[in-house]
Amino acid sequence: MYWDIKKIEIIDKENYTLKVFFADGLNGLVKFEPSFFRGVFAHLINPDEFDKATIFDNVVTWPGHLDLAPDAMWEGIKDNNGIHILK
């Protein structure tokens, strides 16, 4: 799919920012607000845990089978001048 993620870069683990590169060539930033880190994602507020982001099956993933919806990130980046903010 066009929203498959091919590459990520952790831009700033202290400020929870990733750069995401999609199969169709779209790329942009995904920024996480501190309010995002609740429930199963709560431990990712630790920058060293956030830094463990990787790609599995074309999706941003962390240990423990935590992942993000790539289609929502693709749309957010496309519609918001290259920046998708997760709150």
N, C-alpha and C. Protein backbone atom coordinates (compact mmCIF):
# COMPACT_ATOMS: atom_id res chain seq x y z
N MET A 1 0.84 -1.19 0.00
CA MET A 1 0.00 0.00 0.00
C MET A 1 0.88 1.25 0.00
N TYR A 2 0.30 2.32 -0.45
CA TYR A 2 1.05 3.58 -0.51
C TYR A 2 1.45 4.08 0.86
N TRP A 3 0.72 3.69 1.91
CA TRP A 3 1.07 4.16 3.25
C TRP A 3 2.00 3.21 4.00
N ASP A 4 2.49 2.17 3.35
CA ASP A 4 3.48 1.31 3.99
C ASP A 4 4.71 2.13 4.34
N ILE A 5 5.22 1.92 5.54
CA ILE A 5 6.39 2.66 6.00
C ILE A 5 7.65 1.91 5.61
N LYS A 6 8.56 2.59 4.95
CA LYS A 6 9.79 1.98 4.46
C LYS A 6 11.00 2.33 5.33
N LYS A 7 10.91 3.46 6.04
CA LYS A 7 12.06 3.89 6.84
C LYS A 7 11.56 4.86 7.91
N ILE A 8 12.22 4.82 9.07
CA ILE A 8 11.98 5.84 10.09
C ILE A 8 13.32 6.34 10.60
N GLU A 9 13.32 7.56 11.07
CA GLU A 9 14.47 8.14 11.76
C GLU A 9 13.96 8.77 13.05
N ILE A 10 14.62 8.49 14.13
CA ILE A 10 14.27 9.15 15.38
C ILE A 10 15.00 10.48 15.37
N ILE A 11 14.24 11.53 15.22
CA ILE A 11 14.80 12.88 15.11
C ILE A 11 15.20 13.42 16.48
N ASP A 12 14.32 13.19 17.47
CA ASP A 12 14.57 13.73 18.81
C ASP A 12 13.82 12.88 19.83
N LYS A 13 14.53 11.96 20.48
CA LYS A 13 13.87 11.07 21.44
C LYS A 13 13.42 11.82 22.70
N GLU A 14 14.07 12.92 23.01
CA GLU A 14 13.69 13.71 24.20
C GLU A 14 12.39 14.47 23.96
N ASN A 15 12.12 14.82 22.71
CA ASN A 15 10.90 15.53 22.34
C ASN A 15 9.97 14.67 21.50
N TYR A 16 10.23 13.37 21.48
CA TYR A 16 9.33 12.39 20.89
C TYR A 16 8.96 12.72 19.44
N THR A 17 9.96 12.78 18.59
CA THR A 17 9.74 13.12 17.19
C THR A 17 10.40 12.09 16.28
N LEU A 18 9.60 11.56 15.34
CA LEU A 18 10.08 10.62 14.32
C LEU A 18 9.94 11.26 12.95
N LYS A 19 10.80 10.87 12.03
CA LYS A 19 10.58 11.16 10.62
C LYS A 19 10.22 9.84 9.97
N VAL A 20 9.14 9.85 9.21
CA VAL A 20 8.59 8.64 8.62
C VAL A 20 8.61 8.77 7.10
N PHE A 21 9.05 7.70 6.43
CA PHE A 21 9.15 7.65 4.98
C PHE A 21 8.21 6.56 4.46
N PHE A 22 7.28 6.94 3.59
CA PHE A 22 6.26 6.02 3.08
C PHE A 22 6.63 5.48 1.70
N ALA A 23 5.98 4.38 1.33
CA ALA A 23 6.25 3.70 0.06
C ALA A 23 6.00 4.59 -1.15
N ASP A 24 5.05 5.51 -1.05
CA ASP A 24 4.72 6.37 -2.20
C ASP A 24 5.63 7.60 -2.31
N GLY A 25 6.61 7.73 -1.40
CA GLY A 25 7.53 8.86 -1.45
C GLY A 25 7.20 9.97 -0.46
N LEU A 26 6.00 9.97 0.10
CA LEU A 26 5.65 10.96 1.11
C LEU A 26 6.51 10.73 2.35
N ASN A 27 6.96 11.81 2.97
CA ASN A 27 7.65 11.69 4.24
C ASN A 27 7.33 12.91 5.08
N GLY A 28 7.50 12.78 6.38
CA GLY A 28 7.23 13.90 7.27
C GLY A 28 7.47 13.50 8.71
N LEU A 29 7.17 14.45 9.59
CA LEU A 29 7.41 14.26 11.01
C LEU A 29 6.16 13.77 11.72
N VAL A 30 6.38 12.92 12.70
CA VAL A 30 5.33 12.50 13.62
C VAL A 30 5.80 12.94 15.00
N LYS A 31 5.04 13.86 15.62
CA LYS A 31 5.39 14.39 16.94
C LYS A 31 4.37 13.88 17.94
N PHE A 32 4.86 13.43 19.08
CA PHE A 32 4.03 12.88 20.13
C PHE A 32 3.95 13.88 21.28
N GLU A 33 2.75 14.30 21.62
CA GLU A 33 2.54 15.15 22.80
C GLU A 33 2.63 14.26 24.04
N PRO A 34 3.08 14.80 25.17
CA PRO A 34 3.14 13.99 26.40
C PRO A 34 1.81 13.33 26.75
N SER A 35 0.70 13.97 26.40
CA SER A 35 -0.62 13.40 26.70
C SER A 35 -0.89 12.10 25.94
N PHE A 36 -0.15 11.83 24.88
CA PHE A 36 -0.31 10.59 24.12
C PHE A 36 0.09 9.36 24.95
N PHE A 37 1.05 9.54 25.84
CA PHE A 37 1.65 8.42 26.57
C PHE A 37 0.81 8.01 27.77
N ARG A 38 -0.25 7.25 27.46
CA ARG A 38 -1.12 6.71 28.50
C ARG A 38 -1.49 5.29 28.09
N GLY A 39 -2.06 4.55 29.01
CA GLY A 39 -2.43 3.17 28.72
C GLY A 39 -1.23 2.34 28.31
N VAL A 40 -1.37 1.54 27.26
CA VAL A 40 -0.29 0.67 26.83
C VAL A 40 0.93 1.43 26.34
N PHE A 41 0.75 2.70 25.99
CA PHE A 41 1.87 3.51 25.51
C PHE A 41 2.58 4.30 26.63
N ALA A 42 2.12 4.19 27.86
CA ALA A 42 2.63 5.01 28.97
C ALA A 42 4.14 4.90 29.14
N HIS A 43 4.70 3.71 29.02
CA HIS A 43 6.14 3.55 29.26
C HIS A 43 7.00 4.19 28.18
N LEU A 44 6.41 4.54 27.04
CA LEU A 44 7.19 5.17 25.97
C LEU A 44 7.55 6.62 26.27
N ILE A 45 7.01 7.17 27.37
CA ILE A 45 7.41 8.52 27.76
C ILE A 45 8.87 8.54 28.20
N ASN A 46 9.41 7.38 28.54
CA ASN A 46 10.84 7.26 28.82
C ASN A 46 11.56 7.34 27.47
N PRO A 47 12.41 8.36 27.26
CA PRO A 47 13.07 8.52 25.97
C PRO A 47 13.84 7.29 25.50
N ASP A 48 14.41 6.53 26.43
CA ASP A 48 15.13 5.32 26.02
C ASP A 48 14.19 4.24 25.49
N GLU A 49 12.97 4.20 25.99
CA GLU A 49 11.96 3.27 25.46
C GLU A 49 11.43 3.77 24.12
N PHE A 50 11.17 5.07 24.03
CA PHE A 50 10.71 5.66 22.77
C PHE A 50 11.71 5.39 21.65
N ASP A 51 12.98 5.44 22.01
CA ASP A 51 14.07 5.25 21.05
C ASP A 51 14.12 3.84 20.45
N LYS A 52 13.35 2.93 20.98
CA LYS A 52 13.35 1.55 20.48
C LYS A 52 12.40 1.35 19.30
N ALA A 53 11.86 2.43 18.76
CA ALA A 53 10.96 2.32 17.61
C ALA A 53 11.68 1.67 16.44
N THR A 54 10.96 0.82 15.73
CA THR A 54 11.48 0.13 14.56
C THR A 54 10.34 -0.07 13.57
N ILE A 55 10.62 -0.73 12.48
CA ILE A 55 9.58 -1.06 11.50
C ILE A 55 9.40 -2.58 11.49
N PHE A 56 8.15 -3.00 11.58
CA PHE A 56 7.80 -4.41 11.44
C PHE A 56 6.55 -4.49 10.57
N ASP A 57 6.63 -5.25 9.50
CA ASP A 57 5.51 -5.37 8.55
C ASP A 57 5.03 -4.00 8.06
N ASN A 58 5.98 -3.11 7.78
CA ASN A 58 5.70 -1.77 7.23
C ASN A 58 4.93 -0.86 8.18
N VAL A 59 5.10 -1.09 9.48
CA VAL A 59 4.41 -0.32 10.51
C VAL A 59 5.42 0.09 11.58
N VAL A 60 5.29 1.31 12.13
CA VAL A 60 6.13 1.73 13.26
C VAL A 60 5.71 0.90 14.47
N THR A 61 6.71 0.26 15.09
CA THR A 61 6.44 -0.69 16.16
C THR A 61 7.46 -0.51 17.29
N TRP A 62 7.00 -0.81 18.51
CA TRP A 62 7.88 -0.87 19.68
C TRP A 62 7.76 -2.26 20.29
N PRO A 63 8.75 -2.65 21.10
CA PRO A 63 8.65 -3.95 21.79
C PRO A 63 7.32 -4.06 22.55
N GLY A 64 6.79 -5.26 22.60
CA GLY A 64 5.51 -5.48 23.26
C GLY A 64 4.34 -5.40 22.28
N HIS A 65 4.65 -5.43 20.98
CA HIS A 65 3.63 -5.41 19.93
C HIS A 65 2.82 -4.12 19.91
N LEU A 66 3.46 -3.01 20.26
CA LEU A 66 2.80 -1.71 20.16
C LEU A 66 3.07 -1.14 18.78
N ASP A 67 2.04 -0.67 18.13
CA ASP A 67 2.25 -0.08 16.81
C ASP A 67 1.29 1.07 16.57
N LEU A 68 1.57 1.79 15.49
CA LEU A 68 0.77 2.95 15.10
C LEU A 68 0.15 2.70 13.74
N ALA A 69 -1.02 3.23 13.53
CA ALA A 69 -1.72 3.07 12.25
C ALA A 69 -1.02 3.90 11.16
N PRO A 70 -0.42 3.24 10.19
CA PRO A 70 0.32 3.99 9.16
C PRO A 70 -0.59 4.84 8.28
N ASP A 71 -1.82 4.41 8.03
CA ASP A 71 -2.72 5.19 7.19
C ASP A 71 -3.07 6.52 7.84
N ALA A 72 -3.25 6.53 9.16
CA ALA A 72 -3.56 7.77 9.88
C ALA A 72 -2.35 8.72 9.85
N MET A 73 -1.14 8.17 10.01
CA MET A 73 0.06 9.02 9.94
C MET A 73 0.22 9.60 8.55
N TRP A 74 0.01 8.77 7.52
CA TRP A 74 0.14 9.23 6.14
C TRP A 74 -0.82 10.38 5.88
N GLU A 75 -2.08 10.21 6.28
CA GLU A 75 -3.07 11.26 6.07
C GLU A 75 -2.73 12.52 6.86
N GLY A 76 -2.31 12.35 8.12
CA GLY A 76 -1.95 13.51 8.94
C GLY A 76 -0.79 14.29 8.36
N ILE A 77 0.22 13.60 7.87
CA ILE A 77 1.38 14.27 7.27
C ILE A 77 0.98 14.97 5.97
N LYS A 78 0.19 14.29 5.15
CA LYS A 78 -0.25 14.86 3.88
C LYS A 78 -1.11 16.11 4.09
N ASP A 79 -1.99 16.05 5.06
CA ASP A 79 -2.96 17.13 5.27
C ASP A 79 -2.46 18.27 6.14
N ASN A 80 -1.31 18.10 6.81
CA ASN A 80 -0.86 19.11 7.78
C ASN A 80 0.57 19.57 7.51
N ASN A 81 0.87 19.82 6.27
CA ASN A 81 2.18 20.39 5.90
C ASN A 81 3.35 19.59 6.42
N GLY A 82 3.25 18.25 6.38
CA GLY A 82 4.38 17.41 6.73
C GLY A 82 4.56 17.09 8.19
N ILE A 83 3.56 17.43 9.02
CA ILE A 83 3.69 17.16 10.46
C ILE A 83 2.38 16.55 10.97
N HIS A 84 2.49 15.39 11.58
CA HIS A 84 1.33 14.74 12.21
C HIS A 84 1.59 14.74 13.71
N ILE A 85 0.67 15.29 14.48
CA ILE A 85 0.83 15.38 15.94
C ILE A 85 -0.13 14.40 16.59
N LEU A 86 0.41 13.55 17.46
CA LEU A 86 -0.39 12.59 18.21
C LEU A 86 -0.56 13.12 19.63
N LYS A 87 -1.80 13.25 20.04
CA LYS A 87 -2.11 13.82 21.37
C LYS A 87 -2.70 12.78 22.29
